[in-house]
């Protein structure tokens, strides 16, 4: 009996050592490893506009119903929002930088540039600085998102500018993209989802 306990303790020790060395949490699952509740959601994500399972989705599958709800919200705020993709991606980058979510930055910095966001603005956001020479809508997104994150609300002046530029739907969509990517970034950080080792990041991963 003592030998069995010693063997079990050694197994736990090696498992803990492996985790410490790799930093892996919530290992990636293949379709064959998924439960009947998980697999249809993974297939829906892969067959949707994203085309693949990446980022937070593997972790979210641990709670299948939640994963389904969140991925549908994410599909809207990324692909169908009323906001121009350039400023939508800008808000995503600001969220990634605020949370130190390196994978999110790695995934969306190229998308932001492709959508037309000036690389100089991307660089400034990555450094945690206010970008220079922003367009009117970019300046509003910067102030709105900065105030929302810092003060947990926005003042009347910024709200009025956002209302004039984006309308009420745009304001709600801007709040939603911030909130959704907060959840994404928190998940990535807790699950230790990291970009490729060779990727150059402008900030350290949260917790490092």
Foldseek 3Di string as FASTA:
>chain_A
DVVVVVVVVVVVVVVVVVCVVPVAFLDADDLVRADPLLNVQQVCCCPDPVNHDDFLLSVCSVPRVSSNVLVVLVCCLQPPALDQNLLSLVLLLLLCQVQLQAVSLVVRVVVNVVSPHDVQCSLQSLLVHHGPPDDLVNVLLVQQSVCCVPVVHHDPVSVVSCCVVRNPSNVVSSVSSNVSSNVSSVSCLVRVPHDPPPDDGSDHRPPD
